[in-house]
Amino acid sequence: MSNPIKAIVINKDDNNYSASLSSINSSDLPNENVTIDVLYSTLNYKDGLAITGKGPVVRSFPMVPGIDLVGTVSHSTSDEFKSGDKVILNGFGVGEKHWGGLAQKAALNSDWLIPLPAGISPKQAMQIGTAGYTAMLSVIALEKQGITPDSGEVLVTGANGGVGSFAIYLLNKLGYNVTAATGRMEQSDYLKELGATNVINRDELSTPGKPLQKERFAAAIDSVGSHTLANICASLKYGGVVTACGLAQGMDLPGSVAPFILRGIRLIGIDSVMRPKTDRIEAWDRLASLVAADYLDKISTEITLEQVIDNAEQLMKGKIRGRVVVNCQS
């Protein structure tokens, strides 16, 4: 028996690109080994691009967007998961190449899933979402490279974005001295509430600079790229580390090898999409132990599937701050 499911569905033909809240049949779901009742998904920037058609995100049509989800397993032929298990999904091309989380049900490969950690609720997992997960991967990378709170100042760029704001919060919780770089200096008080000690204008980093500059930062988490990342490299202390997880300014890196060979700095790439399961579990377990519920409630709003398309339009206009959590069962 095939039951109707509400889902955001994107279609494209020669003349039209459209996204709509549709009713599909459970038999339409992809042929994967785990079926999930989706409790919550999120509305990320990539989902906004997909839904509005403002970026070439979707690879095949029709597509159900939603790069994050948390839910309850309703059917499984995998040895790893059984009916009733709570699971999280981030990445793996879901919402781009494979049907994603903005629906009441999803069918997914068990290799893409991890258990929901003890200590956080399904809603809290999506309040964190890919943004918090990527920030945690970045912080863990700094730790594994030997960066401690005693190492010195840690810079976070794109501070008002999802990854940046979570990075500030996590670093502060772990005792680091954080400097936030932002293009919205009027948000300085908010960034200091998150845990930034110092706030600087992103313009200090976003234009071409000298290949080797005054040593300032022990480490950095960068979601901007381009000249910003090049200037960070040039400003790191001897043995400093920067993680790169975004390209808001651009995907070029107009820098020099000088900081690498004269100061021994390290540049670590952070991929959240195809990350091995062990890394995912480590990051989510750390998040469960570090992130407070009151912080998550402060930075997020909850909507329904019926409100997704309008919110996607608002997101692309820059009119939404913080995390948008989608209740897929309401």
C-alpha atoms as a PDB file:
ATOM      1  CA  MET A   1       0.000   0.000   0.000  1.00  0.00           C
ATOM      2  CA  SER A   2       1.361   3.435  -0.966  1.00  0.00           C
ATOM      3  CA  ASN A   3       0.628   6.337   1.388  1.00  0.00           C
ATOM      4  CA  PRO A   4       0.684  10.031   0.445  1.00  0.00           C
ATOM      5  CA  ILE A   5       3.636  12.088   1.751  1.00  0.00           C
ATOM      6  CA  LYS A   6       4.060  15.859   1.870  1.00  0.00           C
ATOM      7  CA  ALA A   7       7.328  17.013   0.330  1.00  0.00           C
ATOM      8  CA  ILE A   8       8.968  20.027  -1.266  1.00  0.00           C
ATOM      9  CA  VAL A   9       9.532  18.945  -4.879  1.00  0.00           C
ATOM     10  CA  ILE A  10      11.674  20.776  -7.438  1.00  0.00           C
ATOM     11  CA  ASN A  11      10.973  20.235 -11.145  1.00  0.00           C
ATOM     12  CA  LYS A  12      12.603  21.565 -14.280  1.00  0.00           C
ATOM     13  CA  ASP A  13      11.811  21.390 -17.976  1.00  0.00           C
ATOM     14  CA  ASP A  14      12.997  23.397 -20.983  1.00  0.00           C
ATOM     15  CA  ASN A  15      10.862  26.395 -20.040  1.00  0.00           C
ATOM     16  CA  ASN A  16      10.386  26.335 -16.293  1.00  0.00           C
ATOM     17  CA  TYR A  17      12.084  25.744 -12.926  1.00  0.00           C
ATOM     18  CA  SER A  18       9.678  25.362 -10.027  1.00  0.00           C
ATOM     19  CA  ALA A  19       9.479  24.302  -6.401  1.00  0.00           C
ATOM     20  CA  SER A  20       6.210  23.394  -4.741  1.00  0.00           C
ATOM     21  CA  LEU A  21       4.783  21.658  -1.695  1.00  0.00           C
ATOM     22  CA  SER A  22       3.495  18.455  -3.245  1.00  0.00           C
ATOM     23  CA  SER A  23       1.907  15.170  -2.319  1.00  0.00           C
ATOM     24  CA  ILE A  24       3.962  12.169  -3.416  1.00  0.00           C
ATOM     25  CA  ASN A  25       3.515   8.466  -2.818  1.00  0.00           C
ATOM     26  CA  SER A  26       5.734   6.481  -0.476  1.00  0.00           C
ATOM     27  CA  SER A  27       6.358   4.166  -3.432  1.00  0.00           C
ATOM     28  CA  ASP A  28       8.024   7.119  -5.201  1.00  0.00           C
ATOM     29  CA  LEU A  29      10.859   7.211  -2.652  1.00  0.00           C
ATOM     30  CA  PRO A  30      14.304   6.077  -3.856  1.00  0.00           C
ATOM     31  CA  ASN A  31      15.238   2.424  -3.500  1.00  0.00           C
ATOM     32  CA  GLU A  32      17.542   2.642  -0.467  1.00  0.00           C
ATOM     33  CA  ASN A  33      17.975   0.330   2.523  1.00  0.00           C
ATOM     34  CA  VAL A  34      16.686   2.632   5.295  1.00  0.00           C
ATOM     35  CA  THR A  35      13.342   4.460   5.328  1.00  0.00           C
ATOM     36  CA  ILE A  36      12.931   7.294   7.818  1.00  0.00           C
ATOM     37  CA  ASP A  37      10.016   9.249   9.214  1.00  0.00           C
ATOM     38  CA  VAL A  38      11.591  12.711   9.036  1.00  0.00           C
ATOM     39  CA  LEU A  39      11.030  14.647  12.260  1.00  0.00           C
ATOM     40  CA  TYR A  40      13.010  17.780  11.432  1.00  0.00           C
ATOM     41  CA  SER A  41      15.052  19.174   8.576  1.00  0.00           C
ATOM     42  CA  THR A  42      16.602  22.607   8.109  1.00  0.00           C
ATOM     43  CA  LEU A  43      16.745  25.402   5.572  1.00  0.00           C
ATOM     44  CA  ASN A  44      20.408  25.958   4.680  1.00  0.00           C
ATOM     45  CA  TYR A  45      21.844  28.396   2.131  1.00  0.00           C
ATOM     46  CA  LYS A  46      22.359  25.514  -0.297  1.00  0.00           C
ATOM     47  CA  ASP A  47      18.684  24.565   0.108  1.00  0.00           C
ATOM     48  CA  GLY A  48      17.759  28.175  -0.611  1.00  0.00           C
ATOM     49  CA  LEU A  49      19.776  28.063  -3.830  1.00  0.00           C
ATOM     50  CA  ALA A  50      18.093  24.808  -4.824  1.00  0.00           C
ATOM     51  CA  ILE A  51      14.531  25.908  -4.068  1.00  0.00           C
ATOM     52  CA  THR A  52      14.781  29.342  -5.696  1.00  0.00           C
ATOM     53  CA  GLY A  53      16.883  28.141  -8.634  1.00  0.00           C
ATOM     54  CA  LYS A  54      19.450  30.878  -7.951  1.00  0.00           C
ATOM     55  CA  GLY A  55      22.336  28.393  -8.087  1.00  0.00           C
ATOM     56  CA  PRO A  56      23.034  25.203 -10.070  1.00  0.00           C
ATOM     57  CA  VAL A  57      22.732  22.990  -6.989  1.00  0.00           C
ATOM     58  CA  VAL A  58      20.258  20.333  -8.121  1.00  0.00           C
ATOM     59  CA  ARG A  59      21.762  17.623 -10.319  1.00  0.00           C
ATOM     60  CA  SER A  60      18.640  15.639 -11.295  1.00  0.00           C
ATOM     61  CA  PHE A  61      14.890  16.193 -11.389  1.00  0.00           C
ATOM     62  CA  PRO A  62      12.461  15.837  -9.771  1.00  0.00           C
ATOM     63  CA  MET A  63      14.364  16.540  -6.538  1.00  0.00           C
ATOM     64  CA  VAL A  64      13.373  16.774  -2.886  1.00  0.00           C
ATOM     65  CA  PRO A  65      15.791  19.319  -1.311  1.00  0.00           C
ATOM     66  CA  GLY A  66      17.088  19.286   2.258  1.00  0.00           C
ATOM     67  CA  ILE A  67      20.752  18.544   3.001  1.00  0.00           C
ATOM     68  CA  ASP A  68      20.079  17.806   6.709  1.00  0.00           C
ATOM     69  CA  LEU A  69      17.548  15.636   8.478  1.00  0.00           C
ATOM     70  CA  VAL A  70      16.861  13.799  11.695  1.00  0.00           C
ATOM     71  CA  GLY A  71      14.219  11.151  12.068  1.00  0.00           C
ATOM     72  CA  THR A  72      13.028   7.752  13.203  1.00  0.00           C
ATOM     73  CA  VAL A  73      13.796   4.619  11.206  1.00  0.00           C
ATOM     74  CA  SER A  74      10.521   3.040  10.045  1.00  0.00           C
ATOM     75  CA  HIS A  75      12.026   0.250   7.908  1.00  0.00           C
ATOM     76  CA  SER A  76      15.545  -1.062   7.463  1.00  0.00           C
ATOM     77  CA  THR A  77      17.299  -3.905   5.669  1.00  0.00           C
ATOM     78  CA  SER A  78      20.631  -2.706   7.106  1.00  0.00           C
ATOM     79  CA  ASP A  79      22.336  -4.578   9.953  1.00  0.00           C
ATOM     80  CA  GLU A  80      23.335  -1.216  11.417  1.00  0.00           C
ATOM     81  CA  PHE A  81      19.900   0.306  12.044  1.00  0.00           C
ATOM     82  CA  LYS A  82      16.536  -1.060  13.120  1.00  0.00           C
ATOM     83  CA  SER A  83      12.994   0.274  13.269  1.00  0.00           C
ATOM     84  CA  GLY A  84      12.662   2.908  15.990  1.00  0.00           C
ATOM     85  CA  ASP A  85      16.285   4.121  15.865  1.00  0.00           C
ATOM     86  CA  LYS A  86      16.831   7.885  15.761  1.00  0.00           C
ATOM     87  CA  VAL A  87      19.337   8.901  13.055  1.00  0.00           C
ATOM     88  CA  ILE A  88      21.010  12.021  11.603  1.00  0.00           C
ATOM     89  CA  LEU A  89      21.945  12.761   8.002  1.00  0.00           C
ATOM     90  CA  ASN A  90      24.289  15.519   6.782  1.00  0.00           C
ATOM     91  CA  GLY A  91      25.644  15.796   3.252  1.00  0.00           C
ATOM     92  CA  PHE A  92      26.497  12.969   0.826  1.00  0.00           C
ATOM     93  CA  GLY A  93      24.795  14.882  -1.986  1.00  0.00           C
ATOM     94  CA  VAL A  94      21.372  14.487  -0.367  1.00  0.00           C
ATOM     95  CA  GLY A  95      19.111  17.284  -1.563  1.00  0.00           C
ATOM     96  CA  GLU A  96      21.309  17.669  -4.666  1.00  0.00           C
ATOM     97  CA  LYS A  97      21.770  14.211  -6.218  1.00  0.00           C
ATOM     98  CA  HIS A  98      19.594  12.173  -3.851  1.00  0.00           C
ATOM     99  CA  TRP A  99      16.181  13.018  -2.427  1.00  0.00           C
ATOM    100  CA  GLY A 100      16.585  14.910   0.826  1.00  0.00           C
ATOM    101  CA  GLY A 101      15.017  15.890   4.109  1.00  0.00           C
ATOM    102  CA  LEU A 102      12.313  18.443   3.277  1.00  0.00           C
ATOM    103  CA  ALA A 103       9.606  15.792   3.302  1.00  0.00           C
ATOM    104  CA  GLN A 104       7.676  13.674   5.769  1.00  0.00           C
ATOM    105  CA  LYS A 105       9.639  10.566   4.769  1.00  0.00           C
ATOM    106  CA  ALA A 106      13.066   9.836   3.266  1.00  0.00           C
ATOM    107  CA  ALA A 107      14.803   6.731   1.952  1.00  0.00           C
ATOM    108  CA  LEU A 108      18.569   6.776   2.450  1.00  0.00           C
ATOM    109  CA  ASN A 109      21.685   4.628   2.315  1.00  0.00           C
ATOM    110  CA  SER A 110      22.676   3.391   5.767  1.00  0.00           C
ATOM    111  CA  ASP A 111      26.303   4.400   5.077  1.00  0.00           C
ATOM    112  CA  TRP A 112      25.195   8.050   5.168  1.00  0.00           C
ATOM    113  CA  LEU A 113      23.523   7.845   8.580  1.00  0.00           C
ATOM    114  CA  ILE A 114      24.772   8.068  12.150  1.00  0.00           C
ATOM    115  CA  PRO A 115      22.849   7.507  15.388  1.00  0.00           C
ATOM    116  CA  LEU A 116      21.418  10.552  17.143  1.00  0.00           C
ATOM    117  CA  PRO A 117      23.758  11.055  20.123  1.00  0.00           C
ATOM    118  CA  ALA A 118      22.456  10.746  23.652  1.00  0.00           C
ATOM    119  CA  GLY A 119      21.959  14.133  25.227  1.00  0.00           C
ATOM    120  CA  ILE A 120      20.384  16.034  22.328  1.00  0.00           C
ATOM    121  CA  SER A 121      16.831  15.942  21.017  1.00  0.00           C
ATOM    122  CA  PRO A 122      15.917  15.580  17.331  1.00  0.00           C
ATOM    123  CA  LYS A 123      15.009  19.277  17.163  1.00  0.00           C
ATOM    124  CA  GLN A 124      18.307  20.291  18.776  1.00  0.00           C
ATOM    125  CA  ALA A 125      20.195  18.201  16.214  1.00  0.00           C
ATOM    126  CA  MET A 126      18.679  20.284  13.419  1.00  0.00           C
ATOM    127  CA  GLN A 127      19.140  23.536  15.324  1.00  0.00           C
ATOM    128  CA  ILE A 128      22.824  22.570  15.100  1.00  0.00           C
ATOM    129  CA  GLY A 129      22.638  21.113  11.567  1.00  0.00           C
ATOM    130  CA  THR A 130      25.417  21.187   8.995  1.00  0.00           C
ATOM    131  CA  ALA A 131      26.539  24.635  10.200  1.00  0.00           C
ATOM    132  CA  GLY A 132      27.322  23.473  13.725  1.00  0.00           C
ATOM    133  CA  TYR A 133      28.676  20.140  12.516  1.00  0.00           C
ATOM    134  CA  THR A 134      31.105  21.875  10.126  1.00  0.00           C
ATOM    135  CA  ALA A 135      32.207  24.284  12.868  1.00  0.00           C
ATOM    136  CA  MET A 136      32.857  21.334  15.193  1.00  0.00           C
ATOM    137  CA  LEU A 137      34.917  19.560  12.527  1.00  0.00           C
ATOM    138  CA  SER A 138      36.974  22.754  12.201  1.00  0.00           C
ATOM    139  CA  VAL A 139      37.552  23.053  15.946  1.00  0.00           C
ATOM    140  CA  ILE A 140      38.546  19.373  16.197  1.00  0.00           C
ATOM    141  CA  ALA A 141      41.020  19.905  13.349  1.00  0.00           C
ATOM    142  CA  LEU A 142      42.672  22.777  15.244  1.00  0.00           C
ATOM    143  CA  GLU A 143      42.885  20.622  18.363  1.00  0.00           C
ATOM    144  CA  LYS A 144      44.459  17.746  16.451  1.00  0.00           C
ATOM    145  CA  GLN A 145      47.067  20.171  15.098  1.00  0.00           C
ATOM    146  CA  GLY A 146      48.045  21.079  18.649  1.00  0.00           C
ATOM    147  CA  ILE A 147      46.200  24.395  18.989  1.00  0.00           C
ATOM    148  CA  THR A 148      45.131  24.981  22.599  1.00  0.00           C
ATOM    149  CA  PRO A 149      43.653  27.996  24.433  1.00  0.00           C
ATOM    150  CA  ASP A 150      47.206  28.855  25.507  1.00  0.00           C
ATOM    151  CA  SER A 151      48.364  29.075  21.864  1.00  0.00           C
ATOM    152  CA  GLY A 152      46.915  32.564  21.419  1.00  0.00           C
ATOM    153  CA  GLU A 153      44.232  34.441  19.512  1.00  0.00           C
ATOM    154  CA  VAL A 154      41.942  32.445  17.188  1.00  0.00           C
ATOM    155  CA  LEU A 155      40.273  34.278  14.292  1.00  0.00           C
ATOM    156  CA  VAL A 156      36.834  33.336  12.954  1.00  0.00           C
ATOM    157  CA  THR A 157      35.749  34.853   9.635  1.00  0.00           C
ATOM    158  CA  GLY A 158      32.206  35.012   8.287  1.00  0.00           C
ATOM    159  CA  ALA A 159      31.303  35.474  11.929  1.00  0.00           C
ATOM    160  CA  ASN A 160      27.600  36.188  11.388  1.00  0.00           C
ATOM    161  CA  GLY A 161      27.125  33.104   9.230  1.00  0.00           C
ATOM    162  CA  GLY A 162      26.014  29.712  10.498  1.00  0.00           C
ATOM    163  CA  VAL A 163      29.470  28.136  10.631  1.00  0.00           C
ATOM    164  CA  GLY A 164      31.128  31.286  11.948  1.00  0.00           C
ATOM    165  CA  SER A 165      28.685  31.883  14.782  1.00  0.00           C
ATOM    166  CA  PHE A 166      28.860  28.249  15.899  1.00  0.00           C
ATOM    167  CA  ALA A 167      32.673  28.335  15.710  1.00  0.00           C
ATOM    168  CA  ILE A 168      32.763  31.383  18.004  1.00  0.00           C
ATOM    169  CA  TYR A 169      30.406  29.707  20.465  1.00  0.00           C
ATOM    170  CA  LEU A 170      32.312  26.399  20.520  1.00  0.00           C
ATOM    171  CA  LEU A 171      35.757  27.982  20.789  1.00  0.00           C
ATOM    172  CA  ASN A 172      34.592  30.183  23.654  1.00  0.00           C
ATOM    173  CA  LYS A 173      33.095  27.184  25.482  1.00  0.00           C
ATOM    174  CA  LEU A 174      36.483  25.469  25.170  1.00  0.00           C
ATOM    175  CA  GLY A 175      38.344  28.458  26.608  1.00  0.00           C
ATOM    176  CA  TYR A 176      39.837  30.048  23.471  1.00  0.00           C
ATOM    177  CA  ASN A 177      40.353  33.786  22.953  1.00  0.00           C
ATOM    178  CA  VAL A 178      38.278  34.506  19.826  1.00  0.00           C
ATOM    179  CA  THR A 179      38.424  37.383  17.358  1.00  0.00           C
ATOM    180  CA  ALA A 180      35.440  37.633  15.010  1.00  0.00           C
ATOM    181  CA  ALA A 181      35.656  39.206  11.536  1.00  0.00           C
ATOM    182  CA  THR A 182      32.372  40.469  10.136  1.00  0.00           C
ATOM    183  CA  GLY A 183      30.946  42.761   7.494  1.00  0.00           C
ATOM    184  CA  ARG A 184      28.179  43.770   9.888  1.00  0.00           C
ATOM    185  CA  MET A 185      29.888  45.676  12.664  1.00  0.00           C
ATOM    186  CA  GLU A 186      26.473  46.667  14.043  1.00  0.00           C
ATOM    187  CA  GLN A 187      26.242  43.013  15.146  1.00  0.00           C
ATOM    188  CA  SER A 188      29.342  43.310  17.372  1.00  0.00           C
ATOM    189  CA  ASP A 189      27.394  43.018  20.615  1.00  0.00           C
ATOM    190  CA  TYR A 190      25.705  39.848  19.381  1.00  0.00           C
ATOM    191  CA  LEU A 191      29.065  38.318  18.435  1.00  0.00           C
ATOM    192  CA  LYS A 192      30.458  39.192  21.859  1.00  0.00           C
ATOM    193  CA  GLU A 193      27.431  37.503  23.435  1.00  0.00           C
ATOM    194  CA  LEU A 194      28.367  34.377  21.484  1.00  0.00           C
ATOM    195  CA  GLY A 195      31.860  34.508  22.955  1.00  0.00           C
ATOM    196  CA  ALA A 196      34.033  36.776  20.809  1.00  0.00           C
ATOM    197  CA  THR A 197      36.545  38.827  22.797  1.00  0.00           C
ATOM    198  CA  ASN A 198      37.301  41.133  19.869  1.00  0.00           C
ATOM    199  CA  VAL A 199      35.404  42.055  16.691  1.00  0.00           C
ATOM    200  CA  ILE A 200      37.105  43.410  13.552  1.00  0.00           C
ATOM    201  CA  ASN A 201      35.780  44.599  10.215  1.00  0.00           C
ATOM    202  CA  ARG A 202      36.201  42.052   7.445  1.00  0.00           C
ATOM    203  CA  ASP A 203      37.640  44.850   5.281  1.00  0.00           C
ATOM    204  CA  GLU A 204      40.899  44.441   7.209  1.00  0.00           C
ATOM    205  CA  LEU A 205      41.313  41.068   5.485  1.00  0.00           C
ATOM    206  CA  SER A 206      39.333  41.165   2.247  1.00  0.00           C
ATOM    207  CA  THR A 207      41.655  43.197  -0.027  1.00  0.00           C
ATOM    208  CA  PRO A 208      45.063  42.222  -1.462  1.00  0.00           C
ATOM    209  CA  GLY A 209      47.777  42.294   1.206  1.00  0.00           C
ATOM    210  CA  LYS A 210      51.471  41.646   1.678  1.00  0.00           C
ATOM    211  CA  PRO A 211      52.627  38.020   1.315  1.00  0.00           C
ATOM    212  CA  LEU A 212      54.042  38.085   4.862  1.00  0.00           C
ATOM    213  CA  GLN A 213      52.431  40.274   7.530  1.00  0.00           C
ATOM    214  CA  LYS A 214      52.764  40.862  11.262  1.00  0.00           C
ATOM    215  CA  GLU A 215      52.287  37.644  13.228  1.00  0.00           C
ATOM    216  CA  ARG A 216      48.941  37.932  14.993  1.00  0.00           C
ATOM    217  CA  PHE A 217      46.756  34.825  15.081  1.00  0.00           C
ATOM    218  CA  ALA A 218      47.651  31.413  16.476  1.00  0.00           C
ATOM    219  CA  ALA A 219      44.879  29.857  14.382  1.00  0.00           C
ATOM    220  CA  ALA A 220      41.821  30.650  12.312  1.00  0.00           C
ATOM    221  CA  ILE A 221      38.578  29.120  11.070  1.00  0.00           C
ATOM    222  CA  ASP A 222      37.788  30.580   7.652  1.00  0.00           C
ATOM    223  CA  SER A 223      34.570  30.272   5.643  1.00  0.00           C
ATOM    224  CA  VAL A 224      35.409  33.075   3.210  1.00  0.00           C
ATOM    225  CA  GLY A 225      38.366  32.095   1.003  1.00  0.00           C
ATOM    226  CA  SER A 226      40.059  34.313  -1.604  1.00  0.00           C
ATOM    227  CA  HIS A 227      42.030  37.351  -0.339  1.00  0.00           C
ATOM    228  CA  THR A 228      40.692  36.830   3.172  1.00  0.00           C
ATOM    229  CA  LEU A 229      42.247  33.380   3.447  1.00  0.00           C
ATOM    230  CA  ALA A 230      45.491  34.605   1.861  1.00  0.00           C
ATOM    231  CA  ASN A 231      45.740  37.429   4.423  1.00  0.00           C
ATOM    232  CA  ILE A 232      45.011  35.025   7.266  1.00  0.00           C
ATOM    233  CA  CYS A 233      47.881  32.811   6.138  1.00  0.00           C
ATOM    234  CA  ALA A 234      50.151  35.843   5.997  1.00  0.00           C
ATOM    235  CA  SER A 235      49.110  36.883   9.543  1.00  0.00           C
ATOM    236  CA  LEU A 236      49.465  33.546  11.351  1.00  0.00           C
ATOM    237  CA  LYS A 237      52.079  33.117  14.034  1.00  0.00           C
ATOM    238  CA  TYR A 238      54.898  30.640  13.543  1.00  0.00           C
ATOM    239  CA  GLY A 239      53.387  27.133  13.366  1.00  0.00           C
ATOM    240  CA  GLY A 240      49.875  28.540  13.081  1.00  0.00           C
ATOM    241  CA  VAL A 241      46.921  26.646  11.613  1.00  0.00           C
ATOM    242  CA  VAL A 242      43.937  27.741   9.525  1.00  0.00           C
ATOM    243  CA  THR A 243      40.988  25.572   8.553  1.00  0.00           C
ATOM    244  CA  ALA A 244      39.160  26.377   5.302  1.00  0.00           C
ATOM    245  CA  CYS A 245      35.511  25.365   4.984  1.00  0.00           C
ATOM    246  CA  GLY A 246      33.890  27.977   2.737  1.00  0.00           C
ATOM    247  CA  LEU A 247      34.247  30.338  -0.201  1.00  0.00           C
ATOM    248  CA  ALA A 248      31.935  33.271   0.476  1.00  0.00           C
ATOM    249  CA  GLN A 249      34.425  35.706  -1.065  1.00  0.00           C
ATOM    250  CA  GLY A 250      35.670  33.335  -3.753  1.00  0.00           C
ATOM    251  CA  MET A 251      37.320  30.002  -4.416  1.00  0.00           C
ATOM    252  CA  ASP A 252      40.632  31.520  -5.493  1.00  0.00           C
ATOM    253  CA  LEU A 253      43.624  31.706  -3.151  1.00  0.00           C
ATOM    254  CA  PRO A 254      45.779  34.659  -4.285  1.00  0.00           C
ATOM    255  CA  GLY A 255      48.523  34.148  -1.730  1.00  0.00           C
ATOM    256  CA  SER A 256      52.162  33.216  -1.342  1.00  0.00           C
ATOM    257  CA  VAL A 257      54.132  30.192  -0.176  1.00  0.00           C
ATOM    258  CA  ALA A 258      56.122  32.502   2.131  1.00  0.00           C
ATOM    259  CA  PRO A 259      54.082  31.840   5.317  1.00  0.00           C
ATOM    260  CA  PHE A 260      54.305  28.101   4.694  1.00  0.00           C
ATOM    261  CA  ILE A 261      58.052  27.899   4.227  1.00  0.00           C
ATOM    262  CA  LEU A 262      59.140  30.743   6.536  1.00  0.00           C
ATOM    263  CA  ARG A 263      56.664  30.273   9.398  1.00  0.00           C
ATOM    264  CA  GLY A 264      55.672  26.632   8.980  1.00  0.00           C
ATOM    265  CA  ILE A 265      51.963  27.375   8.933  1.00  0.00           C
ATOM    266  CA  ARG A 266      49.386  24.728   8.038  1.00  0.00           C
ATOM    267  CA  LEU A 267      46.216  24.990   5.930  1.00  0.00           C
ATOM    268  CA  ILE A 268      43.630  22.274   6.645  1.00  0.00           C
ATOM    269  CA  GLY A 269      40.662  21.705   4.340  1.00  0.00           C
ATOM    270  CA  ILE A 270      37.346  20.872   6.026  1.00  0.00           C
ATOM    271  CA  ASP A 271      34.873  18.781   4.043  1.00  0.00           C
ATOM    272  CA  SER A 272      31.561  18.031   5.731  1.00  0.00           C
ATOM    273  CA  VAL A 273      29.830  16.309   2.815  1.00  0.00           C
ATOM    274  CA  MET A 274      31.744  13.039   2.354  1.00  0.00           C
ATOM    275  CA  ARG A 275      33.287  12.813   5.822  1.00  0.00           C
ATOM    276  CA  PRO A 276      33.926   9.276   7.142  1.00  0.00           C
ATOM    277  CA  LYS A 277      31.400   7.980   9.664  1.00  0.00           C
ATOM    278  CA  THR A 278      33.912   7.871  12.538  1.00  0.00           C
ATOM    279  CA  ASP A 279      34.607  11.595  12.108  1.00  0.00           C
ATOM    280  CA  ARG A 280      30.885  12.360  11.992  1.00  0.00           C
ATOM    281  CA  ILE A 281      30.195  10.450  15.186  1.00  0.00           C
ATOM    282  CA  GLU A 282      33.110  12.162  16.960  1.00  0.00           C
ATOM    283  CA  ALA A 283      31.881  15.619  15.921  1.00  0.00           C
ATOM    284  CA  TRP A 284      28.267  14.985  16.905  1.00  0.00           C
ATOM    285  CA  ASP A 285      29.237  13.466  20.255  1.00  0.00           C
ATOM    286  CA  ARG A 286      31.312  16.585  20.995  1.00  0.00           C
ATOM    287  CA  LEU A 287      28.426  18.835  19.961  1.00  0.00           C
ATOM    288  CA  ALA A 288      26.060  16.947  22.267  1.00  0.00           C
ATOM    289  CA  SER A 289      28.392  17.615  25.186  1.00  0.00           C
ATOM    290  CA  LEU A 290      29.134  21.287  24.414  1.00  0.00           C
ATOM    291  CA  VAL A 291      26.034  23.000  23.033  1.00  0.00           C
ATOM    292  CA  ALA A 292      23.462  24.357  25.486  1.00  0.00           C
ATOM    293  CA  ALA A 293      19.738  24.185  24.760  1.00  0.00           C
ATOM    294  CA  ASP A 294      19.148  27.863  25.598  1.00  0.00           C
ATOM    295  CA  TYR A 295      21.760  28.897  23.013  1.00  0.00           C
ATOM    296  CA  LEU A 296      20.074  26.800  20.322  1.00  0.00           C
ATOM    297  CA  ASP A 297      16.662  28.280  21.098  1.00  0.00           C
ATOM    298  CA  LYS A 298      18.158  31.777  20.882  1.00  0.00           C
ATOM    299  CA  ILE A 299      19.614  31.281  17.388  1.00  0.00           C
ATOM    300  CA  SER A 300      16.818  29.336  15.685  1.00  0.00           C
ATOM    301  CA  THR A 301      13.230  29.595  14.515  1.00  0.00           C
ATOM    302  CA  GLU A 302      10.861  26.752  13.671  1.00  0.00           C
ATOM    303  CA  ILE A 303       8.701  26.583  10.547  1.00  0.00           C
ATOM    304  CA  THR A 304       6.569  23.960   8.777  1.00  0.00           C
ATOM    305  CA  LEU A 305       6.916  22.449   5.305  1.00  0.00           C
ATOM    306  CA  GLU A 306       4.176  24.855   4.158  1.00  0.00           C
ATOM    307  CA  GLN A 307       6.439  27.804   5.012  1.00  0.00           C
ATOM    308  CA  VAL A 308       9.646  26.516   3.405  1.00  0.00           C
ATOM    309  CA  ILE A 309       9.371  28.090  -0.050  1.00  0.00           C
ATOM    310  CA  ASP A 310       8.593  31.587   1.265  1.00  0.00           C
ATOM    311  CA  ASN A 311      11.403  31.317   3.810  1.00  0.00           C
ATOM    312  CA  ALA A 312      13.810  30.180   1.084  1.00  0.00           C
ATOM    313  CA  GLU A 313      13.056  33.381  -0.835  1.00  0.00           C
ATOM    314  CA  GLN A 314      13.630  35.459   2.310  1.00  0.00           C
ATOM    315  CA  LEU A 315      16.881  33.600   3.004  1.00  0.00           C
ATOM    316  CA  MET A 316      18.247  34.432  -0.447  1.00  0.00           C
ATOM    317  CA  LYS A 317      17.414  38.111   0.155  1.00  0.00           C
ATOM    318  CA  GLY A 318      19.477  38.086   3.353  1.00  0.00           C
ATOM    319  CA  LYS A 319      16.443  38.683   5.554  1.00  0.00           C
ATOM    320  CA  ILE A 320      16.844  35.671   7.856  1.00  0.00           C
ATOM    321  CA  ARG A 321      19.348  35.492  10.714  1.00  0.00           C
ATOM    322  CA  GLY A 322      20.174  32.282  12.502  1.00  0.00           C
ATOM    323  CA  ARG A 323      19.041  28.721  11.964  1.00  0.00           C
ATOM    324  CA  VAL A 324      15.716  27.762  10.376  1.00  0.00           C
ATOM    325  CA  VAL A 325      14.419  24.403  11.623  1.00  0.00           C
ATOM    326  CA  VAL A 326      11.663  22.699   9.614  1.00  0.00           C
ATOM    327  CA  ASN A 327       9.141  20.569  11.503  1.00  0.00           C
ATOM    328  CA  CYS A 328       8.321  17.993   8.839  1.00  0.00           C
ATOM    329  CA  GLN A 329       5.470  16.305  10.697  1.00  0.00           C
ATOM    330  CA  SER A 330       3.388  19.351  11.693  1.00  0.00           C
END
